[in-house]
PDB file of N, CA and C in Angstrom:
ATOM      1  N   UNK A   1     -93.979 -81.862-234.777  1.00  0.00           N
ATOM      2  CA  UNK A   1     -93.725 -82.668-233.606  1.00  0.00           C
ATOM      3  C   UNK A   1     -92.354 -82.148-232.848  1.00  0.00           C
ATOM      4  N   UNK A   2     -92.457 -82.038-231.568  1.00  0.00           N
ATOM      5  CA  UNK A   2     -91.202 -81.521-230.857  1.00  0.00           C
ATOM      6  C   UNK A   2     -90.671 -82.552-229.967  1.00  0.00           C
ATOM      7  N   UNK A   3     -89.396 -82.722-229.891  1.00  0.00           N
ATOM      8  CA  UNK A   3     -88.691 -83.646-228.949  1.00  0.00           C
ATOM      9  C   UNK A   3     -88.923 -83.136-227.550  1.00  0.00           C
ATOM     10  N   UNK A   4     -88.731 -84.072-226.629  1.00  0.00           N
ATOM     11  CA  UNK A   4     -88.815 -83.701-225.187  1.00  0.00           C
ATOM     12  C   UNK A   4     -87.608 -84.418-224.437  1.00  0.00           C
ATOM     13  N   UNK A   5     -87.253 -83.875-223.351  1.00  0.00           N
ATOM     14  CA  UNK A   5     -86.096 -84.354-222.576  1.00  0.00           C
ATOM     15  C   UNK A   5     -86.809 -84.966-221.293  1.00  0.00           C
ATOM     16  N   UNK A   6     -86.205 -86.099-220.770  1.00  0.00           N
ATOM     17  CA  UNK A   6     -86.631 -86.677-219.466  1.00  0.00           C
ATOM     18  C   UNK A   6     -85.371 -86.701-218.626  1.00  0.00           C
ATOM     19  N   UNK A   7     -85.643 -86.225-217.362  1.00  0.00           N
ATOM     20  CA  UNK A   7     -84.535 -86.277-216.339  1.00  0.00           C
ATOM     21  C   UNK A   7     -84.895 -86.931-215.106  1.00  0.00           C
ATOM     22  N   UNK A   8     -83.932 -87.522-214.410  1.00  0.00           N
ATOM     23  CA  UNK A   8     -84.194 -88.193-213.122  1.00  0.00           C
ATOM     24  C   UNK A   8     -83.324 -87.457-212.075  1.00  0.00           C
ATOM     25  N   UNK A   9     -84.019 -87.046-210.970  1.00  0.00           N
ATOM     26  CA  UNK A   9     -83.368 -86.313-209.944  1.00  0.00           C
ATOM     27  C   UNK A   9     -83.671 -87.040-208.630  1.00  0.00           C
ATOM     28  N   UNK A  10     -82.850 -86.650-207.590  1.00  0.00           N
ATOM     29  CA  UNK A  10     -83.037 -87.276-206.299  1.00  0.00           C
ATOM     30  C   UNK A  10     -83.189 -86.212-205.276  1.00  0.00           C
ATOM     31  N   UNK A  11     -84.109 -86.465-204.231  1.00  0.00           N
ATOM     32  CA  UNK A  11     -84.249 -85.562-203.186  1.00  0.00           C
ATOM     33  C   UNK A  11     -84.714 -86.361-201.901  1.00  0.00           C
ATOM     34  N   UNK A  12     -84.903 -85.721-200.819  1.00  0.00           N
ATOM     35  CA  UNK A  12     -85.333 -86.281-199.529  1.00  0.00           C
ATOM     36  C   UNK A  12     -84.539 -87.437-199.087  1.00  0.00           C
ATOM     37  N   UNK A  13     -83.265 -87.230-198.847  1.00  0.00           N
ATOM     38  CA  UNK A  13     -82.445 -88.348-198.387  1.00  0.00           C
ATOM     39  C   UNK A  13     -82.901 -88.874-197.067  1.00  0.00           C
ATOM     40  N   UNK A  14     -82.952 -90.188-196.877  1.00  0.00           N
ATOM     41  CA  UNK A  14     -83.175 -90.775-195.574  1.00  0.00           C
ATOM     42  C   UNK A  14     -82.055 -91.804-195.188  1.00  0.00           C
ATOM     43  N   UNK A  15     -81.875 -92.028-193.966  1.00  0.00           N
ATOM     44  CA  UNK A  15     -80.894 -92.909-193.543  1.00  0.00           C
ATOM     45  C   UNK A  15     -81.541 -94.154-193.016  1.00  0.00           C
ATOM     46  N   UNK A  16     -81.254 -95.329-193.505  1.00  0.00           N
ATOM     47  CA  UNK A  16     -81.883 -96.587-193.128  1.00  0.00           C
ATOM     48  C   UNK A  16     -80.901 -97.658-193.182  1.00  0.00           C
ATOM     49  N   UNK A  17     -80.721 -98.412-192.034  1.00  0.00           N
ATOM     50  CA  UNK A  17     -79.866 -99.690-191.970  1.00  0.00           C
ATOM     51  C   UNK A  17     -78.483 -99.339-192.478  1.00  0.00           C
ATOM     52  N   UNK A  18     -77.898 -98.280-192.087  1.00  0.00           N
ATOM     53  CA  UNK A  18     -76.642 -97.868-192.489  1.00  0.00           C
ATOM     54  C   UNK A  18     -76.379 -97.386-193.926  1.00  0.00           C
ATOM     55  N   UNK A  19     -77.518 -96.993-194.623  1.00  0.00           N
ATOM     56  CA  UNK A  19     -77.408 -96.553-196.024  1.00  0.00           C
ATOM     57  C   UNK A  19     -78.226 -95.321-196.158  1.00  0.00           C
ATOM     58  N   UNK A  20     -77.747 -94.404-196.984  1.00  0.00           N
ATOM     59  CA  UNK A  20     -78.505 -93.208-197.333  1.00  0.00           C
ATOM     60  C   UNK A  20     -79.347 -93.608-198.549  1.00  0.00           C
ATOM     61  N   UNK A  21     -80.637 -93.279-198.463  1.00  0.00           N
ATOM     62  CA  UNK A  21     -81.567 -93.581-199.511  1.00  0.00           C
ATOM     63  C   UNK A  21     -82.177 -92.354-200.024  1.00  0.00           C
ATOM     64  N   UNK A  22     -82.244 -92.210-201.372  1.00  0.00           N
ATOM     65  CA  UNK A  22     -82.809 -91.018-202.036  1.00  0.00           C
ATOM     66  C   UNK A  22     -84.004 -91.363-202.785  1.00  0.00           C
ATOM     67  N   UNK A  23     -85.079 -90.471-202.678  1.00  0.00           N
ATOM     68  CA  UNK A  23     -86.314 -90.702-203.526  1.00  0.00           C
ATOM     69  C   UNK A  23     -86.094 -90.133-204.820  1.00  0.00           C
ATOM     70  N   UNK A  24     -86.360 -90.934-205.843  1.00  0.00           N
ATOM     71  CA  UNK A  24     -86.129 -90.558-207.271  1.00  0.00           C
ATOM     72  C   UNK A  24     -87.386 -89.709-207.690  1.00  0.00           C
ATOM     73  N   UNK A  25     -87.117 -88.607-208.406  1.00  0.00           N
ATOM     74  CA  UNK A  25     -88.114 -87.822-209.007  1.00  0.00           C
ATOM     75  C   UNK A  25     -87.862 -87.769-210.540  1.00  0.00           C
ATOM     76  N   UNK A  26     -88.905 -87.664-211.328  1.00  0.00           N
ATOM     77  CA  UNK A  26     -88.718 -87.668-212.778  1.00  0.00           C
ATOM     78  C   UNK A  26     -89.410 -86.348-213.312  1.00  0.00           C
ATOM     79  N   UNK A  27     -88.786 -85.796-214.342  1.00  0.00           N
ATOM     80  CA  UNK A  27     -89.265 -84.529-214.965  1.00  0.00           C
ATOM     81  C   UNK A  27     -89.151 -84.652-216.435  1.00  0.00           C
ATOM     82  N   UNK A  28     -89.945 -83.788-217.129  1.00  0.00           N
ATOM     83  CA  UNK A  28     -89.703 -83.670-218.575  1.00  0.00           C
ATOM     84  C   UNK A  28     -89.826 -82.213-218.995  1.00  0.00           C
ATOM     85  N   UNK A  29     -89.119 -81.960-220.072  1.00  0.00           N
ATOM     86  CA  UNK A  29     -89.063 -80.580-220.683  1.00  0.00           C
ATOM     87  C   UNK A  29     -89.023 -80.602-222.160  1.00  0.00           C
ATOM     88  N   UNK A  30     -89.603 -79.606-222.756  1.00  0.00           N
ATOM     89  CA  UNK A  30     -89.625 -79.514-224.233  1.00  0.00           C
ATOM     90  C   UNK A  30     -88.559 -78.429-224.718  1.00  0.00           C
ATOM     91  N   UNK A  31     -88.035 -77.725-223.704  1.00  0.00           N
ATOM     92  CA  UNK A  31     -87.089 -76.630-224.175  1.00  0.00           C
ATOM     93  C   UNK A  31     -85.833 -76.715-223.301  1.00  0.00           C
ATOM     94  N   UNK A  32     -85.776 -77.535-222.279  1.00  0.00           N
ATOM     95  CA  UNK A  32     -84.503 -77.666-221.467  1.00  0.00           C
ATOM     96  C   UNK A  32     -84.481 -76.509-220.373  1.00  0.00           C
ATOM     97  N   UNK A  33     -85.480 -75.695-220.332  1.00  0.00           N
ATOM     98  CA  UNK A  33     -85.508 -74.584-219.416  1.00  0.00           C
ATOM     99  C   UNK A  33     -86.719 -74.781-218.350  1.00  0.00           C
ATOM    100  N   UNK A  34     -87.845 -75.012-218.875  1.00  0.00           N
ATOM    101  CA  UNK A  34     -89.001 -75.255-217.981  1.00  0.00           C
ATOM    102  C   UNK A  34     -89.205 -76.783-217.851  1.00  0.00           C
ATOM    103  N   UNK A  35     -89.216 -77.284-216.568  1.00  0.00           N
ATOM    104  CA  UNK A  35     -89.308 -78.715-216.312  1.00  0.00           C
ATOM    105  C   UNK A  35     -90.642 -78.953-215.564  1.00  0.00           C
ATOM    106  N   UNK A  36     -91.315 -80.051-215.916  1.00  0.00           N
ATOM    107  CA  UNK A  36     -92.644 -80.422-215.301  1.00  0.00           C
ATOM    108  C   UNK A  36     -92.421 -81.815-214.693  1.00  0.00           C
ATOM    109  N   UNK A  37     -92.976 -81.937-213.444  1.00  0.00           N
ATOM    110  CA  UNK A  37     -92.966 -83.196-212.716  1.00  0.00           C
ATOM    111  C   UNK A  37     -93.755 -84.291-213.532  1.00  0.00           C
ATOM    112  N   UNK A  38     -93.092 -85.478-213.541  1.00  0.00           N
ATOM    113  CA  UNK A  38     -93.894 -86.652-214.154  1.00  0.00           C
ATOM    114  C   UNK A  38     -94.441 -87.394-212.843  1.00  0.00           C
ATOM    115  N   UNK A  39     -95.659 -87.768-212.988  1.00  0.00           N
ATOM    116  CA  UNK A  39     -96.305 -88.481-211.796  1.00  0.00           C
ATOM    117  C   UNK A  39     -95.767 -89.864-211.778  1.00  0.00           C
ATOM    118  N   UNK A  40     -95.777 -90.389-210.581  1.00  0.00           N
ATOM    119  CA  UNK A  40     -95.407 -91.758-210.359  1.00  0.00           C
ATOM    120  C   UNK A  40     -96.267 -92.762-211.091  1.00  0.00           C
ATOM    121  N   UNK A  41     -95.774 -93.815-211.536  1.00  0.00           N
ATOM    122  CA  UNK A  41     -96.541 -94.784-212.279  1.00  0.00           C
ATOM    123  C   UNK A  41     -97.257 -95.772-211.346  1.00  0.00           C
ATOM    124  N   UNK A  42     -98.430 -96.211-211.719  1.00  0.00           N
ATOM    125  CA  UNK A  42     -99.119 -97.277-211.025  1.00  0.00           C
ATOM    126  C   UNK A  42     -98.660 -98.607-211.592  1.00  0.00           C
ATOM    127  N   UNK A  43     -98.957 -99.671-210.901  1.00  0.00           N
ATOM    128  CA  UNK A  43     -98.459-100.997-211.348  1.00  0.00           C
ATOM    129  C   UNK A  43     -98.851-101.350-212.737  1.00  0.00           C
ATOM    130  N   UNK A  44    -100.127-100.999-213.165  1.00  0.00           N
ATOM    131  CA  UNK A  44    -100.680-101.359-214.468  1.00  0.00           C
ATOM    132  C   UNK A  44     -99.777-100.627-215.501  1.00  0.00           C
ATOM    133  N   UNK A  45     -99.565 -99.415-215.332  1.00  0.00           N
ATOM    134  CA  UNK A  45     -98.839 -98.491-216.264  1.00  0.00           C
ATOM    135  C   UNK A  45     -97.382 -99.011-216.401  1.00  0.00           C
ATOM    136  N   UNK A  46     -96.800 -99.420-215.243  1.00  0.00           N
ATOM    137  CA  UNK A  46     -95.480 -99.904-215.224  1.00  0.00           C
ATOM    138  C   UNK A  46     -95.406-101.165-216.169  1.00  0.00           C
ATOM    139  N   UNK A  47     -96.341-102.005-215.987  1.00  0.00           N
ATOM    140  CA  UNK A  47     -96.388-103.248-216.754  1.00  0.00           C
ATOM    141  C   UNK A  47     -96.476-102.925-218.263  1.00  0.00           C
ATOM    142  N   UNK A  48     -97.405-102.039-218.687  1.00  0.00           N
ATOM    143  CA  UNK A  48     -97.508-101.615-219.996  1.00  0.00           C
ATOM    144  C   UNK A  48     -96.255-100.963-220.543  1.00  0.00           C
ATOM    145  N   UNK A  49     -95.676-100.079-219.743  1.00  0.00           N
ATOM    146  CA  UNK A  49     -94.435 -99.346-220.219  1.00  0.00           C
ATOM    147  C   UNK A  49     -93.289-100.332-220.466  1.00  0.00           C
ATOM    148  N   UNK A  50     -93.240-101.382-219.626  1.00  0.00           N
ATOM    149  CA  UNK A  50     -92.235-102.445-219.842  1.00  0.00           C
ATOM    150  C   UNK A  50     -92.246-103.124-221.126  1.00  0.00           C
ATOM    151  N   UNK A  51     -93.414-103.008-221.889  1.00  0.00           N
ATOM    152  CA  UNK A  51     -93.575-103.717-223.109  1.00  0.00           C
ATOM    153  C   UNK A  51     -93.136-102.804-224.324  1.00  0.00           C
ATOM    154  N   UNK A  52     -92.862-101.606-224.101  1.00  0.00           N
ATOM    155  CA  UNK A  52     -92.558-100.602-225.163  1.00  0.00           C
ATOM    156  C   UNK A  52     -91.119-100.985-225.684  1.00  0.00           C
ATOM    157  N   UNK A  53     -91.050-101.236-226.970  1.00  0.00           N
ATOM    158  CA  UNK A  53     -89.773-101.693-227.633  1.00  0.00           C
ATOM    159  C   UNK A  53     -89.307-100.629-228.731  1.00  0.00           C
ATOM    160  N   UNK A  54     -89.954 -99.448-228.735  1.00  0.00           N
ATOM    161  CA  UNK A  54     -89.530 -98.560-229.738  1.00  0.00           C
ATOM    162  C   UNK A  54     -89.345 -97.167-229.097  1.00  0.00           C
ATOM    163  N   UNK A  55     -88.831 -96.260-229.936  1.00  0.00           N
ATOM    164  CA  UNK A  55     -88.619 -94.800-229.437  1.00  0.00           C
ATOM    165  C   UNK A  55     -89.908 -94.166-229.170  1.00  0.00           C
ATOM    166  N   UNK A  56     -89.941 -93.400-228.090  1.00  0.00           N
ATOM    167  CA  UNK A  56     -91.119 -92.661-227.827  1.00  0.00           C
ATOM    168  C   UNK A  56     -91.129 -91.321-228.545  1.00  0.00           C
ATOM    169  N   UNK A  57     -92.326 -90.885-229.035  1.00  0.00           N
ATOM    170  CA  UNK A  57     -92.411 -89.594-229.702  1.00  0.00           C
ATOM    171  C   UNK A  57     -93.881 -89.097-229.511  1.00  0.00           C
ATOM    172  N   UNK A  58     -94.011 -87.850-229.814  1.00  0.00           N
ATOM    173  CA  UNK A  58     -95.318 -87.230-229.734  1.00  0.00           C
ATOM    174  C   UNK A  58     -95.485 -86.204-228.744  1.00  0.00           C
ATOM    175  N   UNK A  59     -96.673 -85.692-228.527  1.00  0.00           N
ATOM    176  CA  UNK A  59     -96.946 -84.661-227.594  1.00  0.00           C
ATOM    177  C   UNK A  59     -97.168 -85.206-226.251  1.00  0.00           C
ATOM    178  N   UNK A  60     -96.369 -84.855-225.171  1.00  0.00           N
ATOM    179  CA  UNK A  60     -96.495 -85.388-223.922  1.00  0.00           C
ATOM    180  C   UNK A  60     -97.784 -84.983-223.221  1.00  0.00           C
ATOM    181  N   UNK A  61     -98.497 -83.908-223.721  1.00  0.00           N
ATOM    182  CA  UNK A  61     -99.690 -83.536-223.165  1.00  0.00           C
ATOM    183  C   UNK A  61    -100.899 -84.489-223.578  1.00  0.00           C
ATOM    184  N   UNK A  62    -100.633 -85.335-224.646  1.00  0.00           N
ATOM    185  CA  UNK A  62    -101.593 -86.248-225.010  1.00  0.00           C
ATOM    186  C   UNK A  62    -101.089 -87.661-224.694  1.00  0.00           C
ATOM    187  N   UNK A  63    -101.613 -88.196-223.554  1.00  0.00           N
ATOM    188  CA  UNK A  63    -101.203 -89.466-223.069  1.00  0.00           C
ATOM    189  C   UNK A  63    -102.220 -90.499-223.546  1.00  0.00           C
ATOM    190  N   UNK A  64    -101.719 -91.682-224.044  1.00  0.00           N
ATOM    191  CA  UNK A  64    -102.573 -92.722-224.400  1.00  0.00           C
ATOM    192  C   UNK A  64    -101.826 -93.920-224.766  1.00  0.00           C
ATOM    193  N   UNK A  65    -102.418 -95.035-224.710  1.00  0.00           N
ATOM    194  CA  UNK A  65    -101.793 -96.321-225.006  1.00  0.00           C
ATOM    195  C   UNK A  65    -102.558 -97.078-226.111  1.00  0.00           C
ATOM    196  N   UNK A  66    -101.870 -97.611-227.003  1.00  0.00           N
ATOM    197  CA  UNK A  66    -102.442 -98.461-228.046  1.00  0.00           C
ATOM    198  C   UNK A  66    -101.600 -99.811-228.011  1.00  0.00           C
ATOM    199  N   UNK A  67    -102.293-100.922-227.721  1.00  0.00           N
ATOM    200  CA  UNK A  67    -101.734-102.236-227.700  1.00  0.00           C
ATOM    201  C   UNK A  67    -102.068-102.936-228.898  1.00  0.00           C
ATOM    202  N   UNK A  68    -101.009-103.299-229.691  1.00  0.00           N
ATOM    203  CA  UNK A  68    -101.162-104.027-230.943  1.00  0.00           C
ATOM    204  C   UNK A  68    -100.287-105.202-230.992  1.00  0.00           C
ATOM    205  N   UNK A  69    -100.858-106.358-231.032  1.00  0.00           N
ATOM    206  CA  UNK A  69    -100.083-107.634-231.101  1.00  0.00           C
ATOM    207  C   UNK A  69     -99.088-107.764-229.931  1.00  0.00           C
ATOM    208  N   UNK A  70     -99.461-107.332-228.779  1.00  0.00           N
ATOM    209  CA  UNK A  70     -98.517-107.474-227.639  1.00  0.00           C
ATOM    210  C   UNK A  70     -97.538-106.383-227.579  1.00  0.00           C
ATOM    211  N   UNK A  71     -97.581-105.415-228.494  1.00  0.00           N
ATOM    212  CA  UNK A  71     -96.647-104.231-228.456  1.00  0.00           C
ATOM    213  C   UNK A  71     -97.418-103.039-228.276  1.00  0.00           C
ATOM    214  N   UNK A  72     -96.746-102.080-227.498  1.00  0.00           N
ATOM    215  CA  UNK A  72     -97.345-100.768-227.388  1.00  0.00           C
ATOM    216  C   UNK A  72     -96.766 -99.823-228.363  1.00  0.00           C
ATOM    217  N   UNK A  73     -97.635 -99.018-229.005  1.00  0.00           N
ATOM    218  CA  UNK A  73     -97.042 -98.029-230.015  1.00  0.00           C
ATOM    219  C   UNK A  73     -97.997 -97.022-230.306  1.00  0.00           C
TER     220      UNK A  73
END
């Protein structure tokens, strides 16, 4: 099993109501050199992700959810 890195970046600044707003983008990498875009989460996935209470691990190419007793793992 290999660790992976997650990064948050900002791009496409817009100016609205006296403030500069940046769109957040998320990426992951397994080697710190090649970075891949993470897709935006839908509301259902955000809700499930909010229930994760443990360290994430595994192969990012294999995405799946297992809900056990109200916990994702």
